[in-house]
Amino acid sequence: MRLFLLLFVFSLLLGCSHQSIDDYQNGQPPFVLQDYFNGRLSAHGIVKNRFGKVIRTFNAELNGQWQAGSDGTSEGLLKEVFRFDDGEVQLRDWQMIATDQSSVFVGRAGDVVGDARLRTAGNALFIEYTLRIPYQGRSIDVFVDDRMYRVSDSVVINESRLSKWGIDVGEVVLTIIKHED
């Protein structure tokens, strides 16, 4: 029983460790939103359930555009069209707004509850938001912890954890590829 209790406490302590965006400060190439999410991109990925089983696959077309705001900051629009293996098509338009901090952005989309928080450092982009998704004929809100890592000038690897009430309910893994126009 003591061994079980010790293992339980140890697993809780490991679960409390928190990865920081600052851990990637020196990562290369730098993840500059206005650069990477500008132009034509594609994404290819999988959706896993809470047990790690792949339940869907998808391909997506993305197109980003940036413009200077009247106050000197920049705003971006990233249009996404997801095509799932079961025939479902999802559309999402992300509005990304620079804040007075060069590495922090606010994100908004039609199925995002409130504002998303986007933070960059080095080659990493972390996004936290609540996503409203259809589920069994109704909608539920899930928390999304997106972690993107730019591994080359044209490739980003994205891992997203989805949770409800602090319990993991799914995961999305995808690769985003930037295309030359």
N, C-alpha and C. Protein backbone atom coordinates (compact mmCIF):
# COMPACT_ATOMS: atom_id res chain seq x y z
N MET A 1 0.83 -1.19 0.00
CA MET A 1 0.00 0.00 0.00
C MET A 1 0.87 1.26 0.00
N ARG A 2 1.97 1.24 0.75
CA ARG A 2 2.85 2.40 0.78
C ARG A 2 3.48 2.64 -0.59
N LEU A 3 3.85 1.55 -1.26
CA LEU A 3 4.42 1.67 -2.60
C LEU A 3 3.41 2.32 -3.55
N PHE A 4 2.16 1.89 -3.47
CA PHE A 4 1.11 2.46 -4.30
C PHE A 4 0.95 3.95 -4.01
N LEU A 5 0.93 4.32 -2.75
CA LEU A 5 0.78 5.72 -2.37
C LEU A 5 1.98 6.54 -2.84
N LEU A 6 3.17 5.99 -2.72
CA LEU A 6 4.37 6.68 -3.17
C LEU A 6 4.33 6.89 -4.69
N LEU A 7 3.96 5.87 -5.44
CA LEU A 7 3.85 6.00 -6.88
C LEU A 7 2.78 7.01 -7.28
N PHE A 8 1.66 7.02 -6.57
CA PHE A 8 0.59 7.97 -6.84
C PHE A 8 1.07 9.41 -6.63
N VAL A 9 1.73 9.67 -5.52
CA VAL A 9 2.24 11.02 -5.22
C VAL A 9 3.28 11.42 -6.26
N PHE A 10 4.16 10.49 -6.62
CA PHE A 10 5.18 10.78 -7.62
C PHE A 10 4.55 11.13 -8.97
N SER A 11 3.52 10.41 -9.37
CA SER A 11 2.86 10.71 -10.64
C SER A 11 2.16 12.06 -10.59
N LEU A 12 1.62 12.44 -9.45
CA LEU A 12 1.01 13.76 -9.32
C LEU A 12 2.05 14.85 -9.46
N LEU A 13 3.20 14.64 -8.85
CA LEU A 13 4.27 15.64 -8.95
C LEU A 13 4.77 15.78 -10.39
N LEU A 14 4.90 14.69 -11.10
CA LEU A 14 5.31 14.76 -12.50
C LEU A 14 4.26 15.47 -13.33
N GLY A 15 3.01 15.24 -13.04
CA GLY A 15 1.92 15.88 -13.77
C GLY A 15 1.86 17.37 -13.54
N CYS A 16 2.47 17.86 -12.48
CA CYS A 16 2.43 19.28 -12.17
C CYS A 16 3.54 20.07 -12.85
N SER A 17 4.52 19.36 -13.44
CA SER A 17 5.59 20.09 -14.11
C SER A 17 4.99 20.80 -15.31
N HIS A 18 5.43 22.03 -15.55
CA HIS A 18 4.83 22.83 -16.61
C HIS A 18 5.91 23.26 -17.58
N GLN A 19 5.68 23.00 -18.83
CA GLN A 19 6.59 23.41 -19.88
C GLN A 19 6.31 24.87 -20.20
N SER A 20 7.33 25.66 -20.34
CA SER A 20 7.18 27.08 -20.60
C SER A 20 7.60 27.41 -22.03
N ILE A 21 6.93 28.37 -22.63
CA ILE A 21 7.31 28.84 -23.95
C ILE A 21 8.74 29.35 -23.94
N ASP A 22 9.18 29.88 -22.81
CA ASP A 22 10.54 30.41 -22.70
C ASP A 22 11.61 29.33 -22.84
N ASP A 23 11.24 28.06 -22.67
CA ASP A 23 12.19 26.96 -22.86
C ASP A 23 12.70 26.91 -24.30
N TYR A 24 12.00 27.57 -25.24
CA TYR A 24 12.34 27.51 -26.66
C TYR A 24 12.93 28.81 -27.18
N GLN A 25 13.30 29.70 -26.30
CA GLN A 25 13.77 31.04 -26.65
C GLN A 25 14.88 31.02 -27.70
N ASN A 26 15.75 30.03 -27.66
CA ASN A 26 16.88 29.98 -28.59
C ASN A 26 16.64 29.06 -29.78
N GLY A 27 15.42 28.52 -29.91
CA GLY A 27 15.12 27.60 -31.01
C GLY A 27 15.14 28.30 -32.36
N GLN A 28 15.56 27.57 -33.36
CA GLN A 28 15.65 28.09 -34.72
C GLN A 28 14.94 27.14 -35.68
N PRO A 29 14.40 27.62 -36.79
CA PRO A 29 14.27 29.02 -37.18
C PRO A 29 13.19 29.71 -36.35
N PRO A 30 13.29 31.01 -36.20
CA PRO A 30 12.31 31.72 -35.37
C PRO A 30 10.89 31.61 -35.93
N PHE A 31 9.93 31.52 -35.02
CA PHE A 31 8.51 31.43 -35.42
C PHE A 31 7.93 32.84 -35.39
N VAL A 32 7.93 33.48 -36.53
CA VAL A 32 7.35 34.82 -36.68
C VAL A 32 6.01 34.64 -37.38
N LEU A 33 4.92 34.88 -36.66
CA LEU A 33 3.59 34.63 -37.21
C LEU A 33 3.37 35.33 -38.54
N GLN A 34 3.77 36.62 -38.61
CA GLN A 34 3.54 37.40 -39.81
C GLN A 34 4.28 36.82 -41.02
N ASP A 35 5.34 36.07 -40.76
CA ASP A 35 6.11 35.44 -41.84
C ASP A 35 5.52 34.07 -42.17
N TYR A 36 5.42 33.21 -41.18
CA TYR A 36 5.03 31.83 -41.46
C TYR A 36 3.57 31.72 -41.91
N PHE A 37 2.65 32.40 -41.21
CA PHE A 37 1.23 32.32 -41.57
C PHE A 37 0.86 33.41 -42.57
N ASN A 38 1.67 33.55 -43.60
CA ASN A 38 1.41 34.50 -44.67
C ASN A 38 1.54 33.73 -45.99
N GLY A 39 0.46 33.66 -46.73
CA GLY A 39 0.48 32.92 -47.98
C GLY A 39 -0.22 31.58 -47.85
N ARG A 40 0.10 30.69 -48.78
CA ARG A 40 -0.57 29.40 -48.88
C ARG A 40 0.17 28.34 -48.05
N LEU A 41 -0.63 27.57 -47.27
CA LEU A 41 -0.11 26.48 -46.45
C LEU A 41 -1.04 25.29 -46.57
N SER A 42 -0.54 24.13 -46.17
CA SER A 42 -1.40 22.94 -46.07
C SER A 42 -1.09 22.26 -44.74
N ALA A 43 -2.06 21.49 -44.26
CA ALA A 43 -1.88 20.75 -43.01
C ALA A 43 -2.39 19.33 -43.20
N HIS A 44 -1.76 18.39 -42.50
CA HIS A 44 -2.10 16.99 -42.63
C HIS A 44 -1.98 16.38 -41.25
N GLY A 45 -3.07 15.74 -40.75
CA GLY A 45 -2.99 15.28 -39.38
C GLY A 45 -3.96 14.19 -39.01
N ILE A 46 -3.90 13.89 -37.70
CA ILE A 46 -4.74 12.85 -37.11
C ILE A 46 -5.40 13.40 -35.85
N VAL A 47 -6.55 12.83 -35.52
CA VAL A 47 -7.25 13.12 -34.27
C VAL A 47 -7.28 11.82 -33.48
N LYS A 48 -6.86 11.89 -32.21
CA LYS A 48 -6.86 10.71 -31.34
C LYS A 48 -7.90 10.91 -30.24
N ASN A 49 -8.50 9.81 -29.79
CA ASN A 49 -9.40 9.89 -28.65
C ASN A 49 -8.57 9.88 -27.36
N ARG A 50 -9.23 9.87 -26.23
CA ARG A 50 -8.51 9.96 -24.95
C ARG A 50 -7.66 8.75 -24.64
N PHE A 51 -7.86 7.67 -25.39
CA PHE A 51 -7.07 6.45 -25.18
C PHE A 51 -5.89 6.37 -26.15
N GLY A 52 -5.75 7.37 -27.02
CA GLY A 52 -4.64 7.40 -27.97
C GLY A 52 -4.94 6.74 -29.30
N LYS A 53 -6.17 6.29 -29.51
CA LYS A 53 -6.54 5.64 -30.76
C LYS A 53 -6.88 6.71 -31.81
N VAL A 54 -6.32 6.55 -33.01
CA VAL A 54 -6.63 7.47 -34.10
C VAL A 54 -8.08 7.24 -34.53
N ILE A 55 -8.88 8.31 -34.45
CA ILE A 55 -10.30 8.19 -34.79
C ILE A 55 -10.66 8.95 -36.07
N ARG A 56 -9.79 9.86 -36.51
CA ARG A 56 -10.03 10.61 -37.74
C ARG A 56 -8.69 11.04 -38.33
N THR A 57 -8.69 11.26 -39.63
CA THR A 57 -7.56 11.89 -40.29
C THR A 57 -8.11 13.09 -41.07
N PHE A 58 -7.22 14.01 -41.42
CA PHE A 58 -7.67 15.18 -42.16
C PHE A 58 -6.53 15.78 -42.98
N ASN A 59 -6.94 16.56 -43.95
CA ASN A 59 -6.05 17.41 -44.73
C ASN A 59 -6.70 18.79 -44.73
N ALA A 60 -5.89 19.83 -44.75
CA ALA A 60 -6.44 21.18 -44.69
C ALA A 60 -5.68 22.11 -45.62
N GLU A 61 -6.40 23.09 -46.13
CA GLU A 61 -5.81 24.17 -46.91
C GLU A 61 -5.91 25.43 -46.06
N LEU A 62 -4.81 26.16 -45.96
CA LEU A 62 -4.76 27.38 -45.17
C LEU A 62 -4.24 28.51 -46.04
N ASN A 63 -4.73 29.71 -45.76
CA ASN A 63 -4.25 30.88 -46.47
C ASN A 63 -4.21 32.05 -45.50
N GLY A 64 -3.03 32.64 -45.34
CA GLY A 64 -2.87 33.74 -44.39
C GLY A 64 -2.51 35.04 -45.07
N GLN A 65 -3.02 36.13 -44.50
CA GLN A 65 -2.71 37.47 -44.98
C GLN A 65 -2.55 38.39 -43.78
N TRP A 66 -1.59 39.30 -43.86
CA TRP A 66 -1.32 40.25 -42.78
C TRP A 66 -1.38 41.66 -43.31
N GLN A 67 -1.79 42.58 -42.44
CA GLN A 67 -1.79 43.99 -42.78
C GLN A 67 -1.46 44.81 -41.54
N ALA A 68 -0.92 45.99 -41.77
CA ALA A 68 -0.59 46.88 -40.66
C ALA A 68 -1.85 47.55 -40.15
N GLY A 69 -2.01 47.58 -38.82
CA GLY A 69 -3.14 48.26 -38.22
C GLY A 69 -2.91 49.75 -38.14
N SER A 70 -3.95 50.51 -37.87
CA SER A 70 -3.83 51.97 -37.81
C SER A 70 -2.93 52.42 -36.66
N ASP A 71 -2.78 51.57 -35.64
CA ASP A 71 -1.95 51.94 -34.50
C ASP A 71 -0.52 51.40 -34.61
N GLY A 72 -0.15 50.91 -35.81
CA GLY A 72 1.21 50.43 -36.02
C GLY A 72 1.40 48.94 -35.74
N THR A 73 0.40 48.29 -35.14
CA THR A 73 0.50 46.85 -34.92
C THR A 73 0.06 46.13 -36.19
N SER A 74 0.16 44.83 -36.18
CA SER A 74 -0.26 44.07 -37.36
C SER A 74 -1.41 43.14 -37.01
N GLU A 75 -2.22 42.86 -38.02
CA GLU A 75 -3.35 41.94 -37.88
C GLU A 75 -3.27 40.92 -39.00
N GLY A 76 -3.57 39.69 -38.65
CA GLY A 76 -3.55 38.63 -39.64
C GLY A 76 -4.87 37.90 -39.70
N LEU A 77 -5.16 37.36 -40.87
CA LEU A 77 -6.33 36.51 -41.07
C LEU A 77 -5.84 35.20 -41.65
N LEU A 78 -6.11 34.10 -40.95
CA LEU A 78 -5.73 32.78 -41.42
C LEU A 78 -7.01 32.00 -41.70
N LYS A 79 -7.27 31.76 -42.98
CA LYS A 79 -8.47 31.01 -43.40
C LYS A 79 -8.09 29.54 -43.48
N GLU A 80 -8.90 28.67 -42.85
CA GLU A 80 -8.64 27.24 -42.82
C GLU A 80 -9.84 26.47 -43.37
N VAL A 81 -9.56 25.48 -44.21
CA VAL A 81 -10.59 24.56 -44.71
C VAL A 81 -10.08 23.15 -44.41
N PHE A 82 -10.76 22.46 -43.46
CA PHE A 82 -10.39 21.11 -43.07
C PHE A 82 -11.30 20.11 -43.77
N ARG A 83 -10.71 19.06 -44.34
CA ARG A 83 -11.45 17.98 -44.97
C ARG A 83 -11.09 16.68 -44.25
N PHE A 84 -12.09 16.11 -43.57
CA PHE A 84 -11.88 14.91 -42.77
C PHE A 84 -12.16 13.66 -43.60
N ASP A 85 -11.59 12.54 -43.16
CA ASP A 85 -11.72 11.28 -43.89
C ASP A 85 -13.17 10.78 -43.95
N ASP A 86 -14.04 11.26 -43.07
CA ASP A 86 -15.44 10.83 -43.11
C ASP A 86 -16.31 11.76 -43.96
N GLY A 87 -15.67 12.72 -44.67
CA GLY A 87 -16.40 13.61 -45.55
C GLY A 87 -16.76 14.95 -44.94
N GLU A 88 -16.62 15.10 -43.63
CA GLU A 88 -16.94 16.39 -43.00
C GLU A 88 -15.95 17.46 -43.44
N VAL A 89 -16.48 18.67 -43.64
CA VAL A 89 -15.65 19.82 -43.97
C VAL A 89 -15.88 20.87 -42.88
N GLN A 90 -14.79 21.39 -42.32
CA GLN A 90 -14.89 22.45 -41.31
C GLN A 90 -14.14 23.68 -41.82
N LEU A 91 -14.76 24.84 -41.62
CA LEU A 91 -14.14 26.11 -41.98
C LEU A 91 -13.84 26.89 -40.70
N ARG A 92 -12.70 27.53 -40.66
CA ARG A 92 -12.35 28.37 -39.52
C ARG A 92 -11.52 29.54 -40.03
N ASP A 93 -11.87 30.73 -39.61
CA ASP A 93 -11.10 31.93 -39.92
C ASP A 93 -10.52 32.47 -38.62
N TRP A 94 -9.21 32.40 -38.49
CA TRP A 94 -8.53 32.93 -37.31
C TRP A 94 -8.14 34.38 -37.58
N GLN A 95 -8.53 35.26 -36.68
CA GLN A 95 -8.06 36.63 -36.70
C GLN A 95 -6.97 36.71 -35.63
N MET A 96 -5.77 37.15 -36.02
CA MET A 96 -4.65 37.25 -35.09
C MET A 96 -4.25 38.71 -34.97
N ILE A 97 -4.23 39.20 -33.75
CA ILE A 97 -3.99 40.61 -33.50
C ILE A 97 -2.77 40.76 -32.61
N ALA A 98 -1.78 41.52 -33.08
CA ALA A 98 -0.59 41.77 -32.28
C ALA A 98 -0.94 42.64 -31.09
N THR A 99 -0.29 42.39 -29.96
CA THR A 99 -0.45 43.24 -28.77
C THR A 99 0.76 44.15 -28.67
N ASP A 100 0.86 44.89 -27.59
CA ASP A 100 2.01 45.77 -27.42
C ASP A 100 3.28 44.98 -27.09
N GLN A 101 3.16 43.69 -26.83
CA GLN A 101 4.31 42.82 -26.63
C GLN A 101 4.54 42.08 -27.94
N SER A 102 5.73 42.12 -28.48
CA SER A 102 5.99 41.57 -29.81
C SER A 102 5.77 40.06 -29.90
N SER A 103 5.80 39.35 -28.79
CA SER A 103 5.66 37.89 -28.83
C SER A 103 4.29 37.40 -28.37
N VAL A 104 3.34 38.31 -28.16
CA VAL A 104 2.01 37.93 -27.68
C VAL A 104 0.96 38.45 -28.66
N PHE A 105 0.02 37.56 -29.00
CA PHE A 105 -1.06 37.90 -29.92
C PHE A 105 -2.38 37.46 -29.29
N VAL A 106 -3.46 38.08 -29.75
CA VAL A 106 -4.81 37.66 -29.40
C VAL A 106 -5.38 36.99 -30.64
N GLY A 107 -6.04 35.85 -30.44
CA GLY A 107 -6.65 35.15 -31.56
C GLY A 107 -8.15 35.03 -31.37
N ARG A 108 -8.87 35.13 -32.48
CA ARG A 108 -10.33 35.00 -32.43
C ARG A 108 -10.79 34.17 -33.62
N ALA A 109 -11.80 33.34 -33.38
CA ALA A 109 -12.42 32.55 -34.44
C ALA A 109 -13.86 32.27 -34.03
N GLY A 110 -14.70 31.96 -35.01
CA GLY A 110 -16.13 31.78 -34.76
C GLY A 110 -16.47 30.70 -33.76
N ASP A 111 -15.69 29.63 -33.70
CA ASP A 111 -15.98 28.53 -32.78
C ASP A 111 -15.07 28.55 -31.55
N VAL A 112 -14.37 29.66 -31.34
CA VAL A 112 -13.53 29.83 -30.16
C VAL A 112 -14.28 30.71 -29.17
N VAL A 113 -14.38 30.23 -27.93
CA VAL A 113 -15.09 30.95 -26.88
C VAL A 113 -14.13 31.96 -26.26
N GLY A 114 -14.45 33.24 -26.38
CA GLY A 114 -13.55 34.27 -25.85
C GLY A 114 -12.34 34.44 -26.76
N ASP A 115 -11.26 34.99 -26.20
CA ASP A 115 -10.03 35.21 -26.95
C ASP A 115 -9.03 34.09 -26.69
N ALA A 116 -8.32 33.72 -27.75
CA ALA A 116 -7.20 32.80 -27.62
C ALA A 116 -5.96 33.62 -27.30
N ARG A 117 -5.04 33.00 -26.57
CA ARG A 117 -3.77 33.67 -26.26
C ARG A 117 -2.66 32.95 -27.02
N LEU A 118 -1.97 33.70 -27.88
CA LEU A 118 -0.88 33.16 -28.68
C LEU A 118 0.42 33.76 -28.17
N ARG A 119 1.41 32.91 -27.90
CA ARG A 119 2.72 33.38 -27.43
C ARG A 119 3.81 32.68 -28.24
N THR A 120 4.81 33.46 -28.65
CA THR A 120 5.93 32.89 -29.39
C THR A 120 7.22 33.11 -28.63
N ALA A 121 8.16 32.20 -28.86
CA ALA A 121 9.53 32.33 -28.36
C ALA A 121 10.38 31.40 -29.20
N GLY A 122 11.45 31.93 -29.77
CA GLY A 122 12.31 31.10 -30.61
C GLY A 122 11.52 30.45 -31.72
N ASN A 123 11.60 29.12 -31.81
CA ASN A 123 10.90 28.40 -32.88
C ASN A 123 9.54 27.86 -32.44
N ALA A 124 9.02 28.31 -31.31
CA ALA A 124 7.77 27.76 -30.77
C ALA A 124 6.64 28.79 -30.75
N LEU A 125 5.42 28.26 -30.90
CA LEU A 125 4.19 29.02 -30.75
C LEU A 125 3.26 28.20 -29.88
N PHE A 126 2.82 28.76 -28.75
CA PHE A 126 1.85 28.11 -27.87
C PHE A 126 0.55 28.91 -27.94
N ILE A 127 -0.56 28.19 -28.10
CA ILE A 127 -1.87 28.83 -28.15
C ILE A 127 -2.78 28.12 -27.15
N GLU A 128 -3.49 28.90 -26.34
CA GLU A 128 -4.45 28.35 -25.38
C GLU A 128 -5.81 28.98 -25.66
N TYR A 129 -6.84 28.12 -25.75
CA TYR A 129 -8.18 28.63 -26.02
C TYR A 129 -9.23 27.57 -25.70
N THR A 130 -10.48 28.02 -25.66
CA THR A 130 -11.61 27.11 -25.49
C THR A 130 -12.33 27.01 -26.83
N LEU A 131 -12.50 25.78 -27.29
CA LEU A 131 -13.11 25.51 -28.58
C LEU A 131 -14.48 24.89 -28.38
N ARG A 132 -15.47 25.41 -29.06
CA ARG A 132 -16.82 24.85 -29.03
C ARG A 132 -16.94 23.86 -30.19
N ILE A 133 -17.17 22.59 -29.86
CA ILE A 133 -17.23 21.56 -30.90
C ILE A 133 -18.56 20.82 -30.85
N PRO A 134 -19.02 20.37 -32.02
CA PRO A 134 -20.25 19.55 -32.03
C PRO A 134 -19.94 18.17 -31.45
N TYR A 135 -20.87 17.68 -30.62
CA TYR A 135 -20.68 16.36 -30.01
C TYR A 135 -22.04 15.73 -29.74
N GLN A 136 -22.32 14.64 -30.42
CA GLN A 136 -23.55 13.87 -30.23
C GLN A 136 -24.81 14.76 -30.27
N GLY A 137 -24.89 15.57 -31.32
CA GLY A 137 -26.08 16.38 -31.53
C GLY A 137 -26.15 17.66 -30.71
N ARG A 138 -25.12 17.97 -29.97
CA ARG A 138 -25.09 19.23 -29.21
C ARG A 138 -23.67 19.78 -29.28
N SER A 139 -23.40 20.84 -28.56
CA SER A 139 -22.06 21.43 -28.53
C SER A 139 -21.48 21.32 -27.14
N ILE A 140 -20.16 21.10 -27.10
CA ILE A 140 -19.44 21.13 -25.82
C ILE A 140 -18.22 22.01 -25.98
N ASP A 141 -17.77 22.58 -24.89
CA ASP A 141 -16.57 23.40 -24.88
C ASP A 141 -15.41 22.59 -24.33
N VAL A 142 -14.29 22.57 -25.08
CA VAL A 142 -13.08 21.89 -24.62
C VAL A 142 -11.93 22.87 -24.63
N PHE A 143 -11.03 22.70 -23.68
CA PHE A 143 -9.84 23.53 -23.60
C PHE A 143 -8.79 22.94 -24.53
N VAL A 144 -8.16 23.79 -25.34
CA VAL A 144 -7.13 23.34 -26.28
C VAL A 144 -5.80 23.98 -25.90
N ASP A 145 -4.79 23.15 -25.77
CA ASP A 145 -3.42 23.59 -25.51
C ASP A 145 -2.60 23.21 -26.74
N ASP A 146 -2.43 24.18 -27.64
CA ASP A 146 -1.72 23.98 -28.91
C ASP A 146 -0.24 24.27 -28.71
N ARG A 147 0.62 23.38 -29.19
CA ARG A 147 2.06 23.59 -29.14
C ARG A 147 2.60 23.38 -30.55
N MET A 148 3.12 24.44 -31.16
CA MET A 148 3.66 24.36 -32.51
C MET A 148 5.16 24.62 -32.47
N TYR A 149 5.89 23.86 -33.28
CA TYR A 149 7.34 23.97 -33.33
C TYR A 149 7.78 24.07 -34.78
N ARG A 150 8.42 25.17 -35.12
CA ARG A 150 8.92 25.36 -36.49
C ARG A 150 10.23 24.59 -36.60
N VAL A 151 10.25 23.59 -37.47
CA VAL A 151 11.43 22.74 -37.59
C VAL A 151 12.26 23.05 -38.83
N SER A 152 11.71 23.83 -39.75
CA SER A 152 12.44 24.32 -40.92
C SER A 152 11.71 25.54 -41.44
N ASP A 153 12.24 26.14 -42.49
CA ASP A 153 11.58 27.32 -43.04
C ASP A 153 10.16 27.04 -43.50
N SER A 154 9.88 25.78 -43.90
CA SER A 154 8.57 25.48 -44.46
C SER A 154 7.73 24.49 -43.65
N VAL A 155 8.24 23.95 -42.54
CA VAL A 155 7.51 22.91 -41.81
C VAL A 155 7.34 23.26 -40.33
N VAL A 156 6.10 23.08 -39.86
CA VAL A 156 5.76 23.22 -38.44
C VAL A 156 5.10 21.92 -37.99
N ILE A 157 5.51 21.43 -36.82
CA ILE A 157 4.87 20.28 -36.20
C ILE A 157 3.97 20.81 -35.09
N ASN A 158 2.72 20.35 -35.05
CA ASN A 158 1.73 20.85 -34.09
C ASN A 158 1.17 19.68 -33.28
N GLU A 159 1.19 19.84 -31.95
CA GLU A 159 0.55 18.90 -31.03
C GLU A 159 -0.49 19.68 -30.24
N SER A 160 -1.70 19.16 -30.18
CA SER A 160 -2.77 19.83 -29.44
C SER A 160 -3.38 18.85 -28.46
N ARG A 161 -3.45 19.26 -27.21
CA ARG A 161 -4.13 18.46 -26.19
C ARG A 161 -5.50 19.10 -25.95
N LEU A 162 -6.53 18.26 -25.94
CA LEU A 162 -7.88 18.71 -25.68
C LEU A 162 -8.31 18.16 -24.33
N SER A 163 -8.88 19.03 -23.49
CA SER A 163 -9.30 18.58 -22.17
C SER A 163 -10.65 19.20 -21.79
N LYS A 164 -11.32 18.51 -20.90
CA LYS A 164 -12.60 18.97 -20.35
C LYS A 164 -12.51 18.77 -18.85
N TRP A 165 -12.73 19.82 -18.08
CA TRP A 165 -12.63 19.79 -16.62
C TRP A 165 -11.26 19.28 -16.15
N GLY A 166 -10.21 19.60 -16.93
CA GLY A 166 -8.85 19.19 -16.57
C GLY A 166 -8.50 17.77 -16.94
N ILE A 167 -9.40 17.05 -17.58
CA ILE A 167 -9.16 15.65 -17.96
C ILE A 167 -8.95 15.61 -19.47
N ASP A 168 -7.84 14.98 -19.91
CA ASP A 168 -7.56 14.85 -21.34
C ASP A 168 -8.66 14.05 -22.02
N VAL A 169 -9.19 14.60 -23.12
CA VAL A 169 -10.24 13.91 -23.88
C VAL A 169 -9.82 13.62 -25.32
N GLY A 170 -8.69 14.15 -25.75
CA GLY A 170 -8.23 13.89 -27.10
C GLY A 170 -6.94 14.60 -27.41
N GLU A 171 -6.45 14.30 -28.60
CA GLU A 171 -5.20 14.91 -29.05
C GLU A 171 -5.24 15.04 -30.56
N VAL A 172 -4.66 16.12 -31.07
CA VAL A 172 -4.53 16.33 -32.50
C VAL A 172 -3.04 16.50 -32.80
N VAL A 173 -2.56 15.78 -33.79
CA VAL A 173 -1.17 15.88 -34.22
C VAL A 173 -1.19 16.19 -35.71
N LEU A 174 -0.46 17.23 -36.11
CA LEU A 174 -0.45 17.59 -37.52
C LEU A 174 0.85 18.24 -37.94
N THR A 175 1.06 18.22 -39.22
CA THR A 175 2.20 18.91 -39.84
C THR A 175 1.63 20.00 -40.72
N ILE A 176 2.20 21.20 -40.60
CA ILE A 176 1.80 22.33 -41.44
C ILE A 176 2.95 22.64 -42.38
N ILE A 177 2.64 22.75 -43.66
CA ILE A 177 3.66 22.98 -44.68
C ILE A 177 3.38 24.31 -45.39
N LYS A 178 4.38 25.18 -45.41
CA LYS A 178 4.27 26.46 -46.10
C LYS A 178 4.70 26.26 -47.55
N HIS A 179 3.86 26.74 -48.49
CA HIS A 179 4.13 26.57 -49.91
C HIS A 179 4.59 27.89 -50.52
N GLU A 180 5.52 27.80 -51.42
CA GLU A 180 5.97 28.98 -52.15
C GLU A 180 4.91 29.34 -53.17
N ASP A 181 4.57 30.60 -53.27
CA ASP A 181 3.55 31.03 -54.25
C ASP A 181 4.13 31.23 -55.61
